[in-house]
PDB file of N, CA and C in Angstrom:
ATOM      1  N   MET A   1       4.855  -8.689 -36.578  1.00  0.00           N
ATOM      2  CA  MET A   1       5.446  -8.045 -37.734  1.00  0.00           C
ATOM      3  C   MET A   1       4.933  -6.608 -37.805  1.00  0.00           C
ATOM      4  N   GLU A   2       5.816  -5.688 -38.094  1.00  0.00           N
ATOM      5  CA  GLU A   2       5.457  -4.282 -38.211  1.00  0.00           C
ATOM      6  C   GLU A   2       5.178  -3.947 -39.672  1.00  0.00           C
ATOM      7  N   ASN A   3       4.104  -3.197 -39.907  1.00  0.00           N
ATOM      8  CA  ASN A   3       3.738  -2.763 -41.257  1.00  0.00           C
ATOM      9  C   ASN A   3       3.584  -1.253 -41.265  1.00  0.00           C
ATOM     10  N   PRO A   4       4.672  -0.520 -41.485  1.00  0.00           N
ATOM     11  CA  PRO A   4       4.575   0.937 -41.466  1.00  0.00           C
ATOM     12  C   PRO A   4       3.754   1.453 -42.654  1.00  0.00           C
ATOM     13  N   LEU A   5       3.052   2.545 -42.425  1.00  0.00           N
ATOM     14  CA  LEU A   5       2.351   3.236 -43.509  1.00  0.00           C
ATOM     15  C   LEU A   5       3.242   4.374 -43.968  1.00  0.00           C
ATOM     16  N   ILE A   6       3.400   4.505 -45.267  1.00  0.00           N
ATOM     17  CA  ILE A   6       4.287   5.516 -45.827  1.00  0.00           C
ATOM     18  C   ILE A   6       3.475   6.449 -46.706  1.00  0.00           C
ATOM     19  N   ALA A   7       3.581   7.741 -46.434  1.00  0.00           N
ATOM     20  CA  ALA A   7       2.908   8.744 -47.251  1.00  0.00           C
ATOM     21  C   ALA A   7       3.824   9.110 -48.419  1.00  0.00           C
ATOM     22  N   ILE A   8       3.223   9.285 -49.583  1.00  0.00           N
ATOM     23  CA  ILE A   8       3.965   9.687 -50.777  1.00  0.00           C
ATOM     24  C   ILE A   8       3.418  11.034 -51.224  1.00  0.00           C
ATOM     25  N   ALA A   9       4.313  11.971 -51.487  1.00  0.00           N
ATOM     26  CA  ALA A   9       3.903  13.319 -51.871  1.00  0.00           C
ATOM     27  C   ALA A   9       4.818  13.852 -52.971  1.00  0.00           C
ATOM     28  N   HIS A  10       4.326  14.861 -53.654  1.00  0.00           N
ATOM     29  CA  HIS A  10       5.120  15.559 -54.666  1.00  0.00           C
ATOM     30  C   HIS A  10       6.380  16.109 -53.987  1.00  0.00           C
ATOM     31  N   PRO A  11       7.519  16.102 -54.676  1.00  0.00           N
ATOM     32  CA  PRO A  11       8.771  16.574 -54.077  1.00  0.00           C
ATOM     33  C   PRO A  11       8.716  18.004 -53.528  1.00  0.00           C
ATOM     34  N   GLU A  12       7.807  18.820 -54.012  1.00  0.00           N
ATOM     35  CA  GLU A  12       7.713  20.209 -53.535  1.00  0.00           C
ATOM     36  C   GLU A  12       6.587  20.413 -52.527  1.00  0.00           C
ATOM     37  N   HIS A  13       5.923  19.343 -52.099  1.00  0.00           N
ATOM     38  CA  HIS A  13       4.820  19.473 -51.143  1.00  0.00           C
ATOM     39  C   HIS A  13       5.352  19.932 -49.782  1.00  0.00           C
ATOM     40  N   PRO A  14       4.638  20.838 -49.106  1.00  0.00           N
ATOM     41  CA  PRO A  14       5.081  21.349 -47.803  1.00  0.00           C
ATOM     42  C   PRO A  14       5.290  20.267 -46.734  1.00  0.00           C
ATOM     43  N   LEU A  15       4.615  19.149 -46.837  1.00  0.00           N
ATOM     44  CA  LEU A  15       4.790  18.082 -45.844  1.00  0.00           C
ATOM     45  C   LEU A  15       6.229  17.574 -45.795  1.00  0.00           C
ATOM     46  N   LEU A  16       6.941  17.708 -46.881  1.00  0.00           N
ATOM     47  CA  LEU A  16       8.305  17.166 -46.931  1.00  0.00           C
ATOM     48  C   LEU A  16       9.310  18.002 -46.152  1.00  0.00           C
ATOM     49  N   LYS A  17       8.887  19.164 -45.645  1.00  0.00           N
ATOM     50  CA  LYS A  17       9.782  19.964 -44.805  1.00  0.00           C
ATOM     51  C   LYS A  17      10.028  19.272 -43.467  1.00  0.00           C
ATOM     52  N   ASN A  18       9.084  18.418 -43.049  1.00  0.00           N
ATOM     53  CA  ASN A  18       9.206  17.665 -41.803  1.00  0.00           C
ATOM     54  C   ASN A  18       9.093  16.182 -42.144  1.00  0.00           C
ATOM     55  N   LYS A  19      10.113  15.426 -41.871  1.00  0.00           N
ATOM     56  CA  LYS A  19      10.105  13.997 -42.242  1.00  0.00           C
ATOM     57  C   LYS A  19       9.358  13.124 -41.237  1.00  0.00           C
ATOM     58  N   ASN A  20       8.879  13.698 -40.141  1.00  0.00           N
ATOM     59  CA  ASN A  20       8.155  12.944 -39.113  1.00  0.00           C
ATOM     60  C   ASN A  20       6.783  13.555 -38.865  1.00  0.00           C
ATOM     61  N   ASN A  21       5.966  13.654 -39.896  1.00  0.00           N
ATOM     62  CA  ASN A  21       4.621  14.201 -39.751  1.00  0.00           C
ATOM     63  C   ASN A  21       3.740  13.241 -38.967  1.00  0.00           C
ATOM     64  N   SER A  22       2.909  13.792 -38.106  1.00  0.00           N
ATOM     65  CA  SER A  22       2.006  12.964 -37.310  1.00  0.00           C
ATOM     66  C   SER A  22       0.747  12.634 -38.112  1.00  0.00           C
ATOM     67  N   ILE A  23      -0.010  11.678 -37.606  1.00  0.00           N
ATOM     68  CA  ILE A  23      -1.271  11.318 -38.254  1.00  0.00           C
ATOM     69  C   ILE A  23      -2.224  12.516 -38.240  1.00  0.00           C
ATOM     70  N   LYS A  24      -2.126  13.383 -37.224  1.00  0.00           N
ATOM     71  CA  LYS A  24      -2.975  14.584 -37.151  1.00  0.00           C
ATOM     72  C   LYS A  24      -2.668  15.532 -38.306  1.00  0.00           C
ATOM     73  N   VAL A  25      -1.406  15.651 -38.644  1.00  0.00           N
ATOM     74  CA  VAL A  25      -1.005  16.509 -39.768  1.00  0.00           C
ATOM     75  C   VAL A  25      -1.486  15.892 -41.080  1.00  0.00           C
ATOM     76  N   LEU A  26      -1.266  14.600 -41.247  1.00  0.00           N
ATOM     77  CA  LEU A  26      -1.673  13.924 -42.482  1.00  0.00           C
ATOM     78  C   LEU A  26      -3.190  13.913 -42.651  1.00  0.00           C
ATOM     79  N   ALA A  27      -3.924  13.900 -41.547  1.00  0.00           N
ATOM     80  CA  ALA A  27      -5.386  13.859 -41.610  1.00  0.00           C
ATOM     81  C   ALA A  27      -5.974  15.114 -42.241  1.00  0.00           C
ATOM     82  N   LYS A  28      -5.223  16.188 -42.282  1.00  0.00           N
ATOM     83  CA  LYS A  28      -5.692  17.434 -42.894  1.00  0.00           C
ATOM     84  C   LYS A  28      -5.511  17.435 -44.414  1.00  0.00           C
ATOM     85  N   GLU A  29      -4.790  16.461 -44.918  1.00  0.00           N
ATOM     86  CA  GLU A  29      -4.489  16.384 -46.345  1.00  0.00           C
ATOM     87  C   GLU A  29      -5.488  15.501 -47.091  1.00  0.00           C
ATOM     88  N   THR A  30      -5.557  15.686 -48.406  1.00  0.00           N
ATOM     89  CA  THR A  30      -6.332  14.790 -49.253  1.00  0.00           C
ATOM     90  C   THR A  30      -5.525  13.515 -49.423  1.00  0.00           C
ATOM     91  N   LEU A  31      -6.151  12.387 -49.153  1.00  0.00           N
ATOM     92  CA  LEU A  31      -5.451  11.113 -49.254  1.00  0.00           C
ATOM     93  C   LEU A  31      -6.093  10.217 -50.304  1.00  0.00           C
ATOM     94  N   ILE A  32      -5.275   9.500 -51.009  1.00  0.00           N
ATOM     95  CA  ILE A  32      -5.741   8.445 -51.908  1.00  0.00           C
ATOM     96  C   ILE A  32      -5.397   7.147 -51.193  1.00  0.00           C
ATOM     97  N   THR A  33      -6.418   6.355 -50.909  1.00  0.00           N
ATOM     98  CA  THR A  33      -6.201   5.129 -50.151  1.00  0.00           C
ATOM     99  C   THR A  33      -6.675   3.910 -50.926  1.00  0.00           C
ATOM    100  N   ARG A  34      -6.505   2.781 -50.306  1.00  0.00           N
ATOM    101  CA  ARG A  34      -6.941   1.522 -50.899  1.00  0.00           C
ATOM    102  C   ARG A  34      -8.455   1.394 -50.825  1.00  0.00           C
ATOM    103  N   GLU A  35      -8.949   0.254 -51.288  1.00  0.00           N
ATOM    104  CA  GLU A  35     -10.394   0.009 -51.340  1.00  0.00           C
ATOM    105  C   GLU A  35     -10.994  -0.106 -49.936  1.00  0.00           C
ATOM    106  N   GLN A  36     -12.313   0.136 -49.847  1.00  0.00           N
ATOM    107  CA  GLN A  36     -13.014  -0.023 -48.579  1.00  0.00           C
ATOM    108  C   GLN A  36     -12.825  -1.451 -48.078  1.00  0.00           C
ATOM    109  N   GLY A  37     -12.596  -1.580 -46.779  1.00  0.00           N
ATOM    110  CA  GLY A  37     -12.390  -2.899 -46.190  1.00  0.00           C
ATOM    111  C   GLY A  37     -10.933  -3.302 -46.077  1.00  0.00           C
ATOM    112  N   SER A  38     -10.031  -2.577 -46.731  1.00  0.00           N
ATOM    113  CA  SER A  38      -8.606  -2.932 -46.636  1.00  0.00           C
ATOM    114  C   SER A  38      -8.073  -2.538 -45.259  1.00  0.00           C
ATOM    115  N   GLY A  39      -7.080  -3.257 -44.791  1.00  0.00           N
ATOM    116  CA  GLY A  39      -6.486  -2.969 -43.490  1.00  0.00           C
ATOM    117  C   GLY A  39      -5.903  -1.569 -43.420  1.00  0.00           C
ATOM    118  N   THR A  40      -5.292  -1.121 -44.510  1.00  0.00           N
ATOM    119  CA  THR A  40      -4.720   0.222 -44.556  1.00  0.00           C
ATOM    120  C   THR A  40      -5.809   1.268 -44.362  1.00  0.00           C
ATOM    121  N   ARG A  41      -6.890   1.125 -45.086  1.00  0.00           N
ATOM    122  CA  ARG A  41      -7.978   2.111 -45.003  1.00  0.00           C
ATOM    123  C   ARG A  41      -8.652   2.073 -43.630  1.00  0.00           C
ATOM    124  N   ILE A  42      -8.808   0.893 -43.064  1.00  0.00           N
ATOM    125  CA  ILE A  42      -9.396   0.763 -41.727  1.00  0.00           C
ATOM    126  C   ILE A  42      -8.513   1.450 -40.686  1.00  0.00           C
ATOM    127  N   THR A  43      -7.200   1.358 -40.859  1.00  0.00           N
ATOM    128  CA  THR A  43      -6.265   1.992 -39.935  1.00  0.00           C
ATOM    129  C   THR A  43      -6.309   3.510 -40.029  1.00  0.00           C
ATOM    130  N   ILE A  44      -6.421   4.033 -41.237  1.00  0.00           N
ATOM    131  CA  ILE A  44      -6.394   5.481 -41.462  1.00  0.00           C
ATOM    132  C   ILE A  44      -7.737   6.149 -41.185  1.00  0.00           C
ATOM    133  N   ALA A  45      -8.833   5.499 -41.498  1.00  0.00           N
ATOM    134  CA  ALA A  45     -10.174   6.103 -41.457  1.00  0.00           C
ATOM    135  C   ALA A  45     -10.514   6.824 -40.148  1.00  0.00           C
ATOM    136  N   PRO A  46     -10.248   6.264 -38.986  1.00  0.00           N
ATOM    137  CA  PRO A  46     -10.638   6.966 -37.761  1.00  0.00           C
ATOM    138  C   PRO A  46      -9.914   8.303 -37.555  1.00  0.00           C
ATOM    139  N   HIS A  47      -8.793   8.489 -38.222  1.00  0.00           N
ATOM    140  CA  HIS A  47      -7.996   9.694 -38.054  1.00  0.00           C
ATOM    141  C   HIS A  47      -8.252  10.732 -39.138  1.00  0.00           C
ATOM    142  N   HIS A  48      -8.879  10.327 -40.214  1.00  0.00           N
ATOM    143  CA  HIS A  48      -9.084  11.228 -41.341  1.00  0.00           C
ATOM    144  C   HIS A  48     -10.407  11.946 -41.200  1.00  0.00           C
ATOM    145  N   ARG A  49     -10.514  13.135 -41.779  1.00  0.00           N
ATOM    146  CA  ARG A  49     -11.688  13.993 -41.579  1.00  0.00           C
ATOM    147  C   ARG A  49     -12.957  13.432 -42.190  1.00  0.00           C
ATOM    148  N   HIS A  50     -12.875  12.736 -43.312  1.00  0.00           N
ATOM    149  CA  HIS A  50     -14.061  12.141 -43.921  1.00  0.00           C
ATOM    150  C   HIS A  50     -13.655  11.195 -45.044  1.00  0.00           C
ATOM    151  N   GLU A  51     -14.574  10.371 -45.435  1.00  0.00           N
ATOM    152  CA  GLU A  51     -14.348   9.471 -46.570  1.00  0.00           C
ATOM    153  C   GLU A  51     -15.286   9.863 -47.688  1.00  0.00           C
ATOM    154  N   VAL A  52     -14.825   9.723 -48.896  1.00  0.00           N
ATOM    155  CA  VAL A  52     -15.646  10.035 -50.074  1.00  0.00           C
ATOM    156  C   VAL A  52     -16.131   8.752 -50.675  1.00  0.00           C
TER     157      VAL A  52
END
């Protein structure tokens, strides 16, 4: 089963100019993610610059 991750942004955010942003592009942004230990956060963490 495929579980795509979907980024949500303000309608005027510059990321919306490109509908196929890579994980490298998203990694430069501030992200709000799920709790520590969640599959989503485990998937994103290695690509993101740091965790708070």
